C-alpha atoms as a PDB file:
ATOM      1  CA  MET A   1     -26.511  -8.308  -1.487  1.00  0.00           C
ATOM      2  CA  ALA A   2     -23.294  -8.108  -3.208  1.00  0.00           C
ATOM      3  CA  SER A   3     -22.835  -4.185  -2.172  1.00  0.00           C
ATOM      4  CA  GLN A   4     -23.134  -4.597   1.424  1.00  0.00           C
ATOM      5  CA  TRP A   5     -20.434  -6.753   1.715  1.00  0.00           C
ATOM      6  CA  HIS A   6     -18.779  -4.561  -0.886  1.00  0.00           C
ATOM      7  CA  SER A   7     -19.460  -1.455   1.725  1.00  0.00           C
ATOM      8  CA  LEU A   8     -18.291  -3.853   4.789  1.00  0.00           C
ATOM      9  CA  VAL A   9     -14.935  -4.685   2.871  1.00  0.00           C
ATOM     10  CA  SER A  10     -14.213  -0.763   1.849  1.00  0.00           C
ATOM     11  CA  GLN A  11     -15.428   0.265   5.517  1.00  0.00           C
ATOM     12  CA  LYS A  12     -12.461  -2.014   7.046  1.00  0.00           C
ATOM     13  CA  ILE A  13     -10.025  -0.775   4.234  1.00  0.00           C
ATOM     14  CA  PHE A  14     -10.876   2.622   5.242  1.00  0.00           C
ATOM     15  CA  LEU A  15     -10.467   1.977   9.290  1.00  0.00           C
ATOM     16  CA  ALA A  16      -7.136   0.588   8.571  1.00  0.00           C
ATOM     17  CA  ARG A  17      -5.901   3.263   6.389  1.00  0.00           C
ATOM     18  CA  ASN A  18      -7.381   5.362   8.993  1.00  0.00           C
ATOM     19  CA  LEU A  19      -5.217   3.647  11.696  1.00  0.00           C
ATOM     20  CA  LEU A  20      -1.926   3.752   9.524  1.00  0.00           C
ATOM     21  CA  GLY A  21      -2.497   7.914   9.131  1.00  0.00           C
ATOM     22  CA  GLN A  22      -2.153   8.182  13.003  1.00  0.00           C
ATOM     23  CA  LEU A  23       1.397   6.161  13.013  1.00  0.00           C
ATOM     24  CA  GLU A  24       2.991   9.210  12.301  1.00  0.00           C
ATOM     25  CA  ASN A  25       1.628  11.362  15.115  1.00  0.00           C
ATOM     26  CA  SER A  26       2.121   8.567  17.652  1.00  0.00           C
ATOM     27  CA  ASN A  27       5.378   8.966  19.731  1.00  0.00           C
ATOM     28  CA  SER A  28       5.293   5.709  21.888  1.00  0.00           C
ATOM     29  CA  VAL A  29       6.650   2.463  20.465  1.00  0.00           C
ATOM     30  CA  PRO A  30       4.082   0.256  22.051  1.00  0.00           C
ATOM     31  CA  ALA A  31       1.499   2.714  20.288  1.00  0.00           C
ATOM     32  CA  LYS A  32       3.410   2.565  16.757  1.00  0.00           C
ATOM     33  CA  GLU A  33       3.012  -1.271  17.250  1.00  0.00           C
ATOM     34  CA  ALA A  34      -0.483  -1.248  18.223  1.00  0.00           C
ATOM     35  CA  LEU A  35      -1.589   0.942  14.988  1.00  0.00           C
ATOM     36  CA  LEU A  36       0.638  -1.153  12.760  1.00  0.00           C
ATOM     37  CA  GLN A  37      -0.829  -4.661  14.176  1.00  0.00           C
ATOM     38  CA  GLY A  38      -4.787  -3.129  14.030  1.00  0.00           C
ATOM     39  CA  THR A  39      -4.022  -1.989  10.566  1.00  0.00           C
ATOM     40  CA  ILE A  40      -2.998  -5.628   9.614  1.00  0.00           C
ATOM     41  CA  GLU A  41      -5.655  -7.193  11.249  1.00  0.00           C
ATOM     42  CA  LEU A  42      -8.360  -4.882   9.592  1.00  0.00           C
ATOM     43  CA  GLY A  43      -6.727  -5.568   6.399  1.00  0.00           C
ATOM     44  CA  LEU A  44      -6.784  -9.527   6.978  1.00  0.00           C
ATOM     45  CA  ARG A  45      -9.879  -8.976   8.070  1.00  0.00           C
ATOM     46  CA  ALA A  46     -10.997  -7.387   5.106  1.00  0.00           C
ATOM     47  CA  ARG A  47      -9.436 -10.226   2.775  1.00  0.00           C
ATOM     48  CA  LYS A  48     -11.606 -13.026   4.001  1.00  0.00           C
ATOM     49  CA  LEU A  49     -14.467 -10.619   3.738  1.00  0.00           C
ATOM     50  CA  VAL A  50     -13.374 -10.331  -0.169  1.00  0.00           C
ATOM     51  CA  LEU A  51     -14.101 -14.128  -0.047  1.00  0.00           C
ATOM     52  CA  ILE A  52     -17.775 -13.728   1.215  1.00  0.00           C
ATOM     53  CA  MET A  53     -18.449 -11.160  -1.004  1.00  0.00           C
ATOM     54  CA  ILE A  54     -17.478 -12.751  -3.861  1.00  0.00           C
ATOM     55  CA  ALA A  55     -19.685 -16.101  -2.718  1.00  0.00           C
ATOM     56  CA  ARG A  56     -22.561 -13.364  -2.651  1.00  0.00           C
ATOM     57  CA  MET A  57     -21.690 -12.519  -5.891  1.00  0.00           C
ATOM     58  CA  TYR A  58     -22.440 -15.904  -6.973  1.00  0.00           C
ATOM     59  CA  GLN A  59     -25.506 -16.100  -4.987  1.00  0.00           C
ATOM     60  CA  HIS A  60     -24.144 -18.281  -1.943  1.00  0.00           C
ATOM     61  CA  GLN A  61     -25.980 -16.238   0.457  1.00  0.00           C
ATOM     62  CA  HIS A  62     -25.006 -18.604   3.702  1.00  0.00           C
ATOM     63  CA  SER A  63     -21.543 -19.556   2.607  1.00  0.00           C
ATOM     64  CA  GLN A  64     -19.158 -18.077   4.241  1.00  0.00           C
ATOM     65  CA  PRO A  65     -15.662 -19.711   2.760  1.00  0.00           C
ATOM     66  CA  ASP A  66     -12.634 -19.054   4.645  1.00  0.00           C
ATOM     67  CA  SER A  67      -9.512 -19.666   2.183  1.00  0.00           C
ATOM     68  CA  LEU A  68      -9.134 -19.315  -1.439  1.00  0.00           C
ATOM     69  CA  GLU A  69      -9.645 -23.386  -2.028  1.00  0.00           C
ATOM     70  CA  ALA A  70     -12.919 -22.995  -0.411  1.00  0.00           C
ATOM     71  CA  LEU A  71     -14.003 -20.727  -2.695  1.00  0.00           C
ATOM     72  CA  GLY A  72     -13.252 -22.390  -5.575  1.00  0.00           C
ATOM     73  CA  GLU A  73     -15.284 -25.399  -4.389  1.00  0.00           C
ATOM     74  CA  LEU A  74     -18.200 -23.239  -3.871  1.00  0.00           C
ATOM     75  CA  ILE A  75     -18.256 -21.202  -7.504  1.00  0.00           C
ATOM     76  CA  GLY A  76     -15.740 -23.289  -9.481  1.00  0.00           C
ATOM     77  CA  THR A  77     -12.390 -23.104 -10.233  1.00  0.00           C
ATOM     78  CA  HIS A  78     -12.711 -21.396 -13.771  1.00  0.00           C
ATOM     79  CA  SER A  79     -14.382 -18.524 -12.435  1.00  0.00           C
ATOM     80  CA  PRO A  80     -12.708 -14.878 -13.163  1.00  0.00           C
ATOM     81  CA  GLU A  81     -12.295 -14.187  -9.732  1.00  0.00           C
ATOM     82  CA  ILE A  82     -10.642 -17.555  -8.721  1.00  0.00           C
ATOM     83  CA  ALA A  83      -8.128 -17.200 -11.973  1.00  0.00           C
ATOM     84  CA  GLU A  84      -7.169 -13.894 -10.590  1.00  0.00           C
ATOM     85  CA  LEU A  85      -6.858 -14.553  -6.941  1.00  0.00           C
ATOM     86  CA  ASN A  86      -4.836 -17.746  -7.852  1.00  0.00           C
ATOM     87  CA  GLN A  87      -2.806 -14.875 -10.307  1.00  0.00           C
ATOM     88  CA  LEU A  88      -2.450 -12.817  -7.021  1.00  0.00           C
ATOM     89  CA  ALA A  89      -1.836 -15.628  -4.835  1.00  0.00           C
ATOM     90  CA  SER A  90       1.308 -16.688  -6.788  1.00  0.00           C
ATOM     91  CA  ASP A  91       2.689 -13.207  -7.343  1.00  0.00           C
ATOM     92  CA  GLY A  92       5.170 -12.535  -4.364  1.00  0.00           C
ATOM     93  CA  ARG A  93       4.519  -9.028  -4.971  1.00  0.00           C
ATOM     94  CA  SER A  94       0.712  -9.245  -5.029  1.00  0.00           C
ATOM     95  CA  TRP A  95      -1.750  -7.429  -2.294  1.00  0.00           C
ATOM     96  CA  TRP A  96      -3.116 -11.008  -1.757  1.00  0.00           C
ATOM     97  CA  ASN A  97       0.447 -12.326  -0.815  1.00  0.00           C
ATOM     98  CA  HIS A  98       1.678  -9.766   1.024  1.00  0.00           C
ATOM     99  CA  LEU A  99      -1.558 -10.048   3.579  1.00  0.00           C
ATOM    100  CA  GLU A 100      -0.516 -13.752   3.533  1.00  0.00           C
ATOM    101  CA  GLN A 101       2.882 -12.691   4.100  1.00  0.00           C
ATOM    102  CA  LEU A 102       1.836 -10.591   7.183  1.00  0.00           C
ATOM    103  CA  GLU A 103      -0.604 -13.077   8.688  1.00  0.00           C
ATOM    104  CA  ARG A 104       2.308 -15.398   8.934  1.00  0.00           C
ATOM    105  CA  HIS A 105       4.274 -13.171  10.566  1.00  0.00           C
ATOM    106  CA  GLN A 106       1.957 -11.858  12.735  1.00  0.00           C
ATOM    107  CA  GLY A 107       0.254 -15.098  13.709  1.00  0.00           C
ATOM    108  CA  ASN A 108       3.566 -16.661  15.267  1.00  0.00           C
ATOM    109  CA  PRO A 109       6.189 -15.751  18.134  1.00  0.00           C
ATOM    110  CA  PRO A 110       9.036 -13.555  17.419  1.00  0.00           C
ATOM    111  CA  MET A 111      11.910 -15.492  16.507  1.00  0.00           C
ATOM    112  CA  ALA A 112      14.866 -15.951  19.083  1.00  0.00           C
ATOM    113  CA  ARG A 113      17.487 -14.101  17.990  1.00  0.00           C
ATOM    114  CA  LYS A 114      21.129 -15.373  18.513  1.00  0.00           C
ATOM    115  CA  THR A 115      23.385 -12.888  20.731  1.00  0.00           C
ATOM    116  CA  VAL A 116      26.395 -11.304  18.460  1.00  0.00           C
ATOM    117  CA  SER A 117      29.910 -11.590  19.849  1.00  0.00           C
ATOM    118  CA  SER A 118      33.026 -11.615  18.049  1.00  0.00           C
ATOM    119  CA  GLU A 119      33.371 -15.186  17.773  1.00  0.00           C
ATOM    120  CA  ASN A 120      30.094 -15.982  15.829  1.00  0.00           C
ATOM    121  CA  VAL A 121      29.829 -12.994  13.638  1.00  0.00           C
ATOM    122  CA  ILE A 122      28.850 -14.123  10.128  1.00  0.00           C
ATOM    123  CA  ALA A 123      27.959 -12.204   7.570  1.00  0.00           C
ATOM    124  CA  VAL A 124      24.124 -13.053   6.941  1.00  0.00           C
ATOM    125  CA  ALA A 125      20.774 -11.781   6.315  1.00  0.00           C
ATOM    126  CA  ALA A 126      18.267 -12.011   9.175  1.00  0.00           C
ATOM    127  CA  ASP A 127      14.917 -12.654   8.052  1.00  0.00           C
ATOM    128  CA  THR A 128      13.539  -9.742   9.089  1.00  0.00           C
ATOM    129  CA  GLY A 129       9.777 -10.823   8.123  1.00  0.00           C
ATOM    130  CA  PRO A 130       7.561  -8.793   5.771  1.00  0.00           C
ATOM    131  CA  ASP A 131       7.204  -5.328   5.242  1.00  0.00           C
ATOM    132  CA  ARG A 132       5.356  -3.824   7.749  1.00  0.00           C
ATOM    133  CA  SER A 133       5.953  -0.011   6.572  1.00  0.00           C
ATOM    134  CA  LYS A 134       3.149   2.597   6.124  1.00  0.00           C
ATOM    135  CA  GLN A 135       3.991   2.598   2.468  1.00  0.00           C
ATOM    136  CA  ALA A 136       4.190  -0.767   1.499  1.00  0.00           C
ATOM    137  CA  LEU A 137       0.814  -1.288   3.925  1.00  0.00           C
ATOM    138  CA  GLU A 138      -1.073   1.620   1.964  1.00  0.00           C
ATOM    139  CA  THR A 139      -0.058   0.093  -1.384  1.00  0.00           C
ATOM    140  CA  THR A 140      -1.345  -3.079  -0.215  1.00  0.00           C
ATOM    141  CA  LEU A 141      -4.502  -1.264   0.906  1.00  0.00           C
ATOM    142  CA  GLY A 142      -4.894   0.772  -1.783  1.00  0.00           C
ATOM    143  CA  ALA A 143      -4.525  -2.421  -4.185  1.00  0.00           C
ATOM    144  CA  MET A 144      -6.976  -4.514  -2.387  1.00  0.00           C
ATOM    145  CA  LYS A 145      -9.750  -1.392  -2.817  1.00  0.00           C
ATOM    146  CA  HIS A 146      -8.910  -1.298  -6.330  1.00  0.00           C
ATOM    147  CA  PHE A 147      -9.643  -5.158  -7.045  1.00  0.00           C
ATOM    148  CA  ILE A 148     -13.234  -5.038  -4.764  1.00  0.00           C
ATOM    149  CA  ASP A 149     -13.949  -1.779  -6.537  1.00  0.00           C
ATOM    150  CA  ILE A 150     -13.606  -3.914 -10.030  1.00  0.00           C
ATOM    151  CA  LEU A 151     -15.213  -7.065  -8.459  1.00  0.00           C
ATOM    152  CA  GLU A 152     -18.529  -4.734  -7.746  1.00  0.00           C
ATOM    153  CA  ASP A 153     -18.634  -2.863 -10.878  1.00  0.00           C
ATOM    154  CA  ARG A 154     -18.318  -6.057 -12.970  1.00  0.00           C
ATOM    155  CA  HIS A 155     -21.038  -7.644 -11.126  1.00  0.00           C
ATOM    156  CA  SER A 156     -23.291  -4.638 -10.805  1.00  0.00           C
ATOM    157  CA  GLU A 157     -23.475  -4.494 -14.431  1.00  0.00           C
ATOM    158  CA  TRP A 158     -25.751  -7.744 -14.312  1.00  0.00           C
END
């Protein structure tokens, strides 16, 4: 049963990568933005499905945890998967954390920008949000795929 969930997560990652591959062939700004947002949404869906996949690996056939905390309550906070996901969540450069940042960014309206004039020019770094570059998204999707493949291998041995 967990293999079906692995296949579903793999499918979402594959589709996200497919959208990302079309980015270079897109000529319009709205089309590029649609491809980026579609890629991110598929990545976010895959991340949620990872939680369900892990719950199924622990024989919780009807549970659909929607957060790392809910999964921990379901399978126990001392399981290796929870430890690994907590480590990923605390690592600012991990695929889990990158998707967390993208979810916050994509789920909120854009920040209002101040107009720049000669009176109010101050040299400060503006918050541009998480890295939405093709390379960063490819890295995140690849790392997530690697993670689920390891989980599948680990649990299919049983």
